Every structure is written in structure tokens, then in C-alpha cells.
Amino acid sequence: MDNAIEEDNVTETTGFEAQQDENQHAFLRYLPKRIAAFEKRILRYRFEGWDPRGMAVLSGDVRRVADASAHFDLIDIRQHLLTLAQMIDAHFASMRAPDPKQVERMFALLSAVIRSLASHPDSAVHAVSSDAPQQAPG
């Protein structure tokens, strides 16, 4: 009887781990699209003006992705995204659009996220860079 209980626990654990792996793979495929959307929104707010509601939504979206990153132990990605959310919050509080250097800094944080993703074997970024044709030595 004890063996049957142990087998059930092993099966449940294995099933849970498989589901976690599947969820992480899905998140890693999804993340580059979210980063691209964040870039577009930052550019739009930079050139069209930062409306308070839009800034609050953007900050919340960035924080949710940061939280999901933490759930999958993607600590570097989480930190970059939290820093970005704090920058957005600062602009929200001052009711001012970021200047070009500040936008550059925001994009640098998003680029850091993409670089971190590229080093992860399950990410869409890694798949794209690995599938790219290699140049022949010249």
C-alpha cells in the first residue's frame, strides 16, 4: 500500500514539474513579444505625450511580467523590468514625458532583457539566433 502512495506522489510531482516546464517554455516564447510591445508604447508616449492612465497601465504591465519572470527564476530579467517600472512611475509622478536620454535608458533595460533571454536555451530569441545562417569565414 505504501508503494502505491509513493508512486502517486512521484507521478503528481513529475506531472507538476512537466507543467511548470511547459509554462516556462510558453512564457519564454511570449516574452520577446511583450518586450517589443513595451518598446512601441514607450516610443508612442515619448512622441505623442505621456497620458497618466497609459503610464499607469504600462507600469502595471511591466510589473506583471517582472513577477512572472520571478516565478520562473529569471532574476536578471525581473530586475531589469522592475527598474523600468520604477522609471515609468517616476515619470508618472512628475507628469513629464521622458527626454531622449531617459528613453534610451528604458530601451537599454529592455535590450538587457532580450540579451538575458538569448542566453536561455528555451527562449524564442535563442531559437532565432541559433537558426540564423552562419557566415562563412572570409
C-alpha atoms as a PDB file:
ATOM      1  CA  MET A   1       0.000   0.000   0.000  1.00  0.00           C
ATOM      2  CA  ASP A   2       2.822   2.433   0.848  1.00  0.00           C
ATOM      3  CA  ASN A   3       4.401   1.813  -2.570  1.00  0.00           C
ATOM      4  CA  ALA A   4       1.172   2.823  -4.293  1.00  0.00           C
ATOM      5  CA  ILE A   5       1.069   6.085  -2.315  1.00  0.00           C
ATOM      6  CA  GLU A   6       4.716   6.800  -3.137  1.00  0.00           C
ATOM      7  CA  GLU A   7       4.082   6.103  -6.831  1.00  0.00           C
ATOM      8  CA  ASP A   8       1.133   8.505  -6.828  1.00  0.00           C
ATOM      9  CA  ASN A   9       3.288  11.214  -5.227  1.00  0.00           C
ATOM     10  CA  VAL A  10       6.066  10.685  -7.776  1.00  0.00           C
ATOM     11  CA  THR A  11       3.568  10.830 -10.643  1.00  0.00           C
ATOM     12  CA  GLU A  12       1.973  14.001  -9.248  1.00  0.00           C
ATOM     13  CA  THR A  13       5.390  15.631  -8.763  1.00  0.00           C
ATOM     14  CA  THR A  14       6.521  14.645 -12.248  1.00  0.00           C
ATOM     15  CA  GLY A  15       3.255  15.948 -13.710  1.00  0.00           C
ATOM     16  CA  PHE A  16       3.637  19.220 -11.814  1.00  0.00           C
ATOM     17  CA  GLU A  17       7.243  19.620 -12.964  1.00  0.00           C
ATOM     18  CA  ALA A  18       6.251  18.885 -16.558  1.00  0.00           C
ATOM     19  CA  GLN A  19       3.505  21.509 -16.332  1.00  0.00           C
ATOM     20  CA  GLN A  20       5.970  24.018 -14.838  1.00  0.00           C
ATOM     21  CA  ASP A  21       8.429  23.330 -17.670  1.00  0.00           C
ATOM     22  CA  GLU A  22       5.672  23.764 -20.248  1.00  0.00           C
ATOM     23  CA  ASN A  23       4.569  27.030 -18.622  1.00  0.00           C
ATOM     24  CA  GLN A  24       8.147  28.325 -18.575  1.00  0.00           C
ATOM     25  CA  HIS A  25       8.642  27.447 -22.261  1.00  0.00           C
ATOM     26  CA  ALA A  26       5.420  29.295 -23.126  1.00  0.00           C
ATOM     27  CA  PHE A  27       6.496  32.321 -21.078  1.00  0.00           C
ATOM     28  CA  LEU A  28       9.912  32.407 -22.746  1.00  0.00           C
ATOM     29  CA  ARG A  29       8.270  32.326 -26.191  1.00  0.00           C
ATOM     30  CA  TYR A  30       5.826  35.063 -25.138  1.00  0.00           C
ATOM     31  CA  LEU A  31       8.314  37.440 -23.509  1.00  0.00           C
ATOM     32  CA  PRO A  32      10.009  38.868 -26.655  1.00  0.00           C
ATOM     33  CA  LYS A  33       6.577  39.909 -27.969  1.00  0.00           C
ATOM     34  CA  ARG A  34       5.813  41.692 -24.699  1.00  0.00           C
ATOM     35  CA  ILE A  35       9.181  43.478 -24.770  1.00  0.00           C
ATOM     36  CA  ALA A  36       8.512  44.659 -28.343  1.00  0.00           C
ATOM     37  CA  ALA A  37       5.080  45.928 -27.247  1.00  0.00           C
ATOM     38  CA  PHE A  38       6.669  47.806 -24.324  1.00  0.00           C
ATOM     39  CA  GLU A  39       9.133  49.446 -26.735  1.00  0.00           C
ATOM     40  CA  LYS A  40       6.316  50.592 -29.021  1.00  0.00           C
ATOM     41  CA  ARG A  41       4.337  52.002 -26.112  1.00  0.00           C
ATOM     42  CA  ILE A  42       7.338  53.888 -24.744  1.00  0.00           C
ATOM     43  CA  LEU A  43       8.003  55.395 -28.171  1.00  0.00           C
ATOM     44  CA  ARG A  44       4.348  56.342 -28.591  1.00  0.00           C
ATOM     45  CA  TYR A  45       4.256  58.059 -25.213  1.00  0.00           C
ATOM     46  CA  ARG A  46       7.544  59.798 -25.956  1.00  0.00           C
ATOM     47  CA  PHE A  47       6.316  61.351 -29.182  1.00  0.00           C
ATOM     48  CA  GLU A  48       2.600  61.718 -28.508  1.00  0.00           C
ATOM     49  CA  GLY A  49       2.871  62.656 -24.833  1.00  0.00           C
ATOM     50  CA  TRP A  50       2.500  60.542 -21.731  1.00  0.00           C
ATOM     51  CA  ASP A  51      -1.056  60.329 -20.570  1.00  0.00           C
ATOM     52  CA  PRO A  52      -1.392  59.391 -16.883  1.00  0.00           C
ATOM     53  CA  ARG A  53      -3.695  56.437 -17.456  1.00  0.00           C
ATOM     54  CA  GLY A  54      -1.459  54.957 -20.143  1.00  0.00           C
ATOM     55  CA  MET A  55       1.613  55.306 -17.934  1.00  0.00           C
ATOM     56  CA  ALA A  56      -0.111  53.562 -15.041  1.00  0.00           C
ATOM     57  CA  VAL A  57      -1.210  50.702 -17.303  1.00  0.00           C
ATOM     58  CA  LEU A  58       2.281  50.358 -18.792  1.00  0.00           C
ATOM     59  CA  SER A  59       3.869  50.277 -15.347  1.00  0.00           C
ATOM     60  CA  GLY A  60       1.396  47.619 -14.199  1.00  0.00           C
ATOM     61  CA  ASP A  61       2.028  45.525 -17.310  1.00  0.00           C
ATOM     62  CA  VAL A  62       5.793  45.706 -16.826  1.00  0.00           C
ATOM     63  CA  ARG A  63       5.431  44.729 -13.152  1.00  0.00           C
ATOM     64  CA  ARG A  64       3.225  41.735 -14.015  1.00  0.00           C
ATOM     65  CA  VAL A  65       5.804  40.451 -16.487  1.00  0.00           C
ATOM     66  CA  ALA A  66       8.514  41.040 -13.855  1.00  0.00           C
ATOM     67  CA  ASP A  67       6.511  39.000 -11.337  1.00  0.00           C
ATOM     68  CA  ALA A  68       6.070  36.187 -13.849  1.00  0.00           C
ATOM     69  CA  SER A  69       9.818  36.284 -14.517  1.00  0.00           C
ATOM     70  CA  ALA A  70      10.466  35.820 -10.805  1.00  0.00           C
ATOM     71  CA  HIS A  71       8.072  32.865 -10.767  1.00  0.00           C
ATOM     72  CA  PHE A  72      10.337  31.158 -13.316  1.00  0.00           C
ATOM     73  CA  ASP A  73      13.553  32.202 -11.507  1.00  0.00           C
ATOM     74  CA  LEU A  74      14.540  34.658 -14.245  1.00  0.00           C
ATOM     75  CA  ILE A  75      16.009  37.043 -11.705  1.00  0.00           C
ATOM     76  CA  ASP A  76      18.038  39.275 -14.072  1.00  0.00           C
ATOM     77  CA  ILE A  77      15.014  39.797 -16.281  1.00  0.00           C
ATOM     78  CA  ARG A  78      12.865  40.585 -13.262  1.00  0.00           C
ATOM     79  CA  GLN A  79      15.339  43.176 -12.007  1.00  0.00           C
ATOM     80  CA  HIS A  80      15.577  44.952 -15.369  1.00  0.00           C
ATOM     81  CA  LEU A  81      11.796  45.082 -15.647  1.00  0.00           C
ATOM     82  CA  LEU A  82      11.321  46.357 -12.096  1.00  0.00           C
ATOM     83  CA  THR A  83      13.863  49.103 -12.763  1.00  0.00           C
ATOM     84  CA  LEU A  84      11.921  50.042 -15.895  1.00  0.00           C
ATOM     85  CA  ALA A  85       8.644  50.113 -13.948  1.00  0.00           C
ATOM     86  CA  GLN A  86      10.248  52.416 -11.373  1.00  0.00           C
ATOM     87  CA  MET A  87      11.403  54.760 -14.142  1.00  0.00           C
ATOM     88  CA  ILE A  88       7.895  54.839 -15.618  1.00  0.00           C
ATOM     89  CA  ASP A  89       6.463  55.503 -12.149  1.00  0.00           C
ATOM     90  CA  ALA A  90       8.846  58.440 -11.712  1.00  0.00           C
ATOM     91  CA  HIS A  91       7.600  59.991 -14.954  1.00  0.00           C
ATOM     92  CA  PHE A  92       4.024  59.316 -13.911  1.00  0.00           C
ATOM     93  CA  ALA A  93       4.623  61.087 -10.588  1.00  0.00           C
ATOM     94  CA  SER A  94       6.260  64.112 -12.220  1.00  0.00           C
ATOM     95  CA  MET A  95       3.720  64.133 -15.090  1.00  0.00           C
ATOM     96  CA  ARG A  96       6.539  64.648 -17.587  1.00  0.00           C
ATOM     97  CA  ALA A  97       7.485  62.703 -20.684  1.00  0.00           C
ATOM     98  CA  PRO A  98      10.973  61.211 -20.601  1.00  0.00           C
ATOM     99  CA  ASP A  99      13.655  63.030 -22.516  1.00  0.00           C
ATOM    100  CA  PRO A 100      15.587  61.201 -25.262  1.00  0.00           C
ATOM    101  CA  LYS A 101      18.309  60.035 -22.847  1.00  0.00           C
ATOM    102  CA  GLN A 102      15.714  58.602 -20.482  1.00  0.00           C
ATOM    103  CA  VAL A 103      14.009  56.788 -23.352  1.00  0.00           C
ATOM    104  CA  GLU A 104      17.425  55.452 -24.330  1.00  0.00           C
ATOM    105  CA  ARG A 105      17.880  54.156 -20.768  1.00  0.00           C
ATOM    106  CA  MET A 106      14.464  52.475 -20.872  1.00  0.00           C
ATOM    107  CA  PHE A 107      15.369  50.812 -24.165  1.00  0.00           C
ATOM    108  CA  ALA A 108      18.711  49.728 -22.687  1.00  0.00           C
ATOM    109  CA  LEU A 109      16.815  47.930 -19.919  1.00  0.00           C
ATOM    110  CA  LEU A 110      14.601  46.203 -22.473  1.00  0.00           C
ATOM    111  CA  SER A 111      17.688  45.265 -24.508  1.00  0.00           C
ATOM    112  CA  ALA A 112      19.202  43.763 -21.375  1.00  0.00           C
ATOM    113  CA  VAL A 113      16.082  41.627 -21.004  1.00  0.00           C
ATOM    114  CA  ILE A 114      16.466  40.396 -24.599  1.00  0.00           C
ATOM    115  CA  ARG A 115      20.169  39.625 -24.022  1.00  0.00           C
ATOM    116  CA  SER A 116      19.258  37.639 -20.910  1.00  0.00           C
ATOM    117  CA  LEU A 117      16.619  35.790 -22.899  1.00  0.00           C
ATOM    118  CA  ALA A 118      19.057  34.997 -25.697  1.00  0.00           C
ATOM    119  CA  SER A 119      21.210  33.107 -23.208  1.00  0.00           C
ATOM    120  CA  HIS A 120      18.271  30.920 -22.179  1.00  0.00           C
ATOM    121  CA  PRO A 121      18.053  27.799 -24.370  1.00  0.00           C
ATOM    122  CA  ASP A 122      14.227  27.672 -24.344  1.00  0.00           C
ATOM    123  CA  SER A 123      13.565  31.233 -25.442  1.00  0.00           C
ATOM    124  CA  ALA A 124      12.281  32.334 -28.825  1.00  0.00           C
ATOM    125  CA  VAL A 125      15.208  34.772 -29.001  1.00  0.00           C
ATOM    126  CA  HIS A 126      17.681  31.899 -28.630  1.00  0.00           C
ATOM    127  CA  ALA A 127      15.862  29.888 -31.295  1.00  0.00           C
ATOM    128  CA  VAL A 128      16.011  32.782 -33.753  1.00  0.00           C
ATOM    129  CA  SER A 129      19.699  33.466 -33.135  1.00  0.00           C
ATOM    130  CA  SER A 130      20.581  29.738 -33.364  1.00  0.00           C
ATOM    131  CA  ASP A 131      18.644  29.326 -36.609  1.00  0.00           C
ATOM    132  CA  ALA A 132      20.304  32.314 -38.239  1.00  0.00           C
ATOM    133  CA  PRO A 133      22.614  31.354 -41.101  1.00  0.00           C
ATOM    134  CA  GLN A 134      26.244  31.449 -40.157  1.00  0.00           C
ATOM    135  CA  GLN A 135      28.589  33.451 -42.341  1.00  0.00           C
ATOM    136  CA  ALA A 136      31.364  31.535 -43.930  1.00  0.00           C
ATOM    137  CA  PRO A 137      34.851  32.653 -42.922  1.00  0.00           C
ATOM    138  CA  GLY A 138      36.086  35.116 -45.456  1.00  0.00           C
END
